[in-house]
């Protein structure tokens, strides 16, 4: 099973790099306080995807490390 996940990860990473090389049109990203010039569309899309995944992971950290509050009832006879 772990090799299947590794294969999926490698193929997805390869697809993202192929996608970034095929979309080589240069654009200007205009953010609130600064502009980023001469960045390709592919790298901007990959960057936004990775930033969204990182933000999602950071917001899920409390749920991942939450302790289970279920207590086991001991049989007293």
C-alpha atoms as a PDB file:
ATOM      1  CA  UNK A   1       0.000   0.000   0.000  1.00  0.00           C
ATOM      2  CA  UNK A   2       2.805   2.433   0.822  1.00  0.00           C
ATOM      3  CA  UNK A   3       4.309   1.972  -2.642  1.00  0.00           C
ATOM      4  CA  UNK A   4       0.991   2.890  -4.254  1.00  0.00           C
ATOM      5  CA  UNK A   5       0.894   6.136  -2.275  1.00  0.00           C
ATOM      6  CA  UNK A   6       4.502   6.850  -3.227  1.00  0.00           C
ATOM      7  CA  UNK A   7       3.652   6.249  -6.896  1.00  0.00           C
ATOM      8  CA  UNK A   8       0.658   8.598  -6.668  1.00  0.00           C
ATOM      9  CA  UNK A   9       2.787  11.269  -4.995  1.00  0.00           C
ATOM     10  CA  UNK A  10       5.553  11.028  -7.602  1.00  0.00           C
ATOM     11  CA  UNK A  11       3.095  11.106 -10.508  1.00  0.00           C
ATOM     12  CA  UNK A  12       1.253  14.106  -9.033  1.00  0.00           C
ATOM     13  CA  UNK A  13       4.518  15.974  -8.497  1.00  0.00           C
ATOM     14  CA  UNK A  14       5.627  15.181 -12.034  1.00  0.00           C
ATOM     15  CA  UNK A  15       2.291  16.386 -13.384  1.00  0.00           C
ATOM     16  CA  UNK A  16       2.607  19.666 -11.502  1.00  0.00           C
ATOM     17  CA  UNK A  17       6.101  20.324 -12.852  1.00  0.00           C
ATOM     18  CA  UNK A  18       4.965  19.408 -16.377  1.00  0.00           C
ATOM     19  CA  UNK A  19       1.995  21.754 -15.987  1.00  0.00           C
ATOM     20  CA  UNK A  20       4.262  24.572 -14.848  1.00  0.00           C
ATOM     21  CA  UNK A  21       6.632  24.152 -17.783  1.00  0.00           C
ATOM     22  CA  UNK A  22       3.808  24.123 -20.351  1.00  0.00           C
ATOM     23  CA  UNK A  23       2.240  27.328 -18.993  1.00  0.00           C
ATOM     24  CA  UNK A  24       5.156  29.664 -19.484  1.00  0.00           C
ATOM     25  CA  UNK A  25       3.202  32.893 -20.060  1.00  0.00           C
ATOM     26  CA  UNK A  26       4.558  35.595 -17.803  1.00  0.00           C
ATOM     27  CA  UNK A  27       2.128  37.487 -15.590  1.00  0.00           C
ATOM     28  CA  UNK A  28       2.288  40.052 -12.807  1.00  0.00           C
ATOM     29  CA  UNK A  29       0.810  39.090  -9.441  1.00  0.00           C
ATOM     30  CA  UNK A  30      -0.628  42.171  -7.759  1.00  0.00           C
ATOM     31  CA  UNK A  31      -0.950  41.523  -4.054  1.00  0.00           C
ATOM     32  CA  UNK A  32      -2.104  44.057  -1.473  1.00  0.00           C
ATOM     33  CA  UNK A  33       1.234  45.672  -0.688  1.00  0.00           C
ATOM     34  CA  UNK A  34       3.626  44.545  -3.419  1.00  0.00           C
ATOM     35  CA  UNK A  35       3.771  43.243  -6.970  1.00  0.00           C
ATOM     36  CA  UNK A  36       5.573  40.126  -8.156  1.00  0.00           C
ATOM     37  CA  UNK A  37       6.612  40.536 -11.780  1.00  0.00           C
ATOM     38  CA  UNK A  38       7.611  37.981 -14.420  1.00  0.00           C
ATOM     39  CA  UNK A  39       6.237  34.833 -12.841  1.00  0.00           C
ATOM     40  CA  UNK A  40       4.736  32.105 -14.994  1.00  0.00           C
ATOM     41  CA  UNK A  41       1.113  31.051 -14.740  1.00  0.00           C
ATOM     42  CA  UNK A  42       2.070  27.474 -13.909  1.00  0.00           C
ATOM     43  CA  UNK A  43       4.261  28.396 -10.949  1.00  0.00           C
ATOM     44  CA  UNK A  44       1.651  30.810  -9.625  1.00  0.00           C
ATOM     45  CA  UNK A  45      -1.003  28.065  -9.760  1.00  0.00           C
ATOM     46  CA  UNK A  46       1.278  25.516  -8.091  1.00  0.00           C
ATOM     47  CA  UNK A  47       2.254  28.057  -5.436  1.00  0.00           C
ATOM     48  CA  UNK A  48      -1.367  28.856  -4.635  1.00  0.00           C
ATOM     49  CA  UNK A  49      -2.197  25.136  -4.455  1.00  0.00           C
ATOM     50  CA  UNK A  50       0.701  24.452  -2.070  1.00  0.00           C
ATOM     51  CA  UNK A  51      -0.118  27.513   0.053  1.00  0.00           C
ATOM     52  CA  UNK A  52      -3.747  26.370   0.343  1.00  0.00           C
ATOM     53  CA  UNK A  53      -2.653  22.868   1.357  1.00  0.00           C
ATOM     54  CA  UNK A  54      -0.300  24.303   3.981  1.00  0.00           C
ATOM     55  CA  UNK A  55      -2.993  26.566   5.436  1.00  0.00           C
ATOM     56  CA  UNK A  56      -5.440  23.651   5.508  1.00  0.00           C
ATOM     57  CA  UNK A  57      -2.905  21.465   7.312  1.00  0.00           C
ATOM     58  CA  UNK A  58      -2.154  24.185   9.874  1.00  0.00           C
ATOM     59  CA  UNK A  59      -5.857  24.620  10.597  1.00  0.00           C
ATOM     60  CA  UNK A  60      -6.311  20.853  11.064  1.00  0.00           C
ATOM     61  CA  UNK A  61      -3.423  20.405  13.515  1.00  0.00           C
ATOM     62  CA  UNK A  62      -5.688  20.830  16.609  1.00  0.00           C
ATOM     63  CA  UNK A  63      -7.996  18.110  15.291  1.00  0.00           C
ATOM     64  CA  UNK A  64      -5.122  15.764  14.537  1.00  0.00           C
ATOM     65  CA  UNK A  65      -3.519  16.013  17.971  1.00  0.00           C
ATOM     66  CA  UNK A  66      -6.753  16.193  19.964  1.00  0.00           C
ATOM     67  CA  UNK A  67      -6.885  13.734  22.828  1.00  0.00           C
ATOM     68  CA  UNK A  68      -9.712  11.258  22.886  1.00  0.00           C
ATOM     69  CA  UNK A  69     -11.960  12.056  25.845  1.00  0.00           C
ATOM     70  CA  UNK A  70     -13.618   8.631  25.982  1.00  0.00           C
ATOM     71  CA  UNK A  71     -12.977   6.838  29.243  1.00  0.00           C
ATOM     72  CA  UNK A  72     -13.085   3.108  29.536  1.00  0.00           C
ATOM     73  CA  UNK A  73     -15.625   1.870  32.055  1.00  0.00           C
ATOM     74  CA  UNK A  74     -14.164  -0.803  34.255  1.00  0.00           C
ATOM     75  CA  UNK A  75     -16.396  -3.694  35.248  1.00  0.00           C
ATOM     76  CA  UNK A  76     -16.758  -3.739  39.023  1.00  0.00           C
ATOM     77  CA  UNK A  77     -18.148  -6.990  40.313  1.00  0.00           C
END
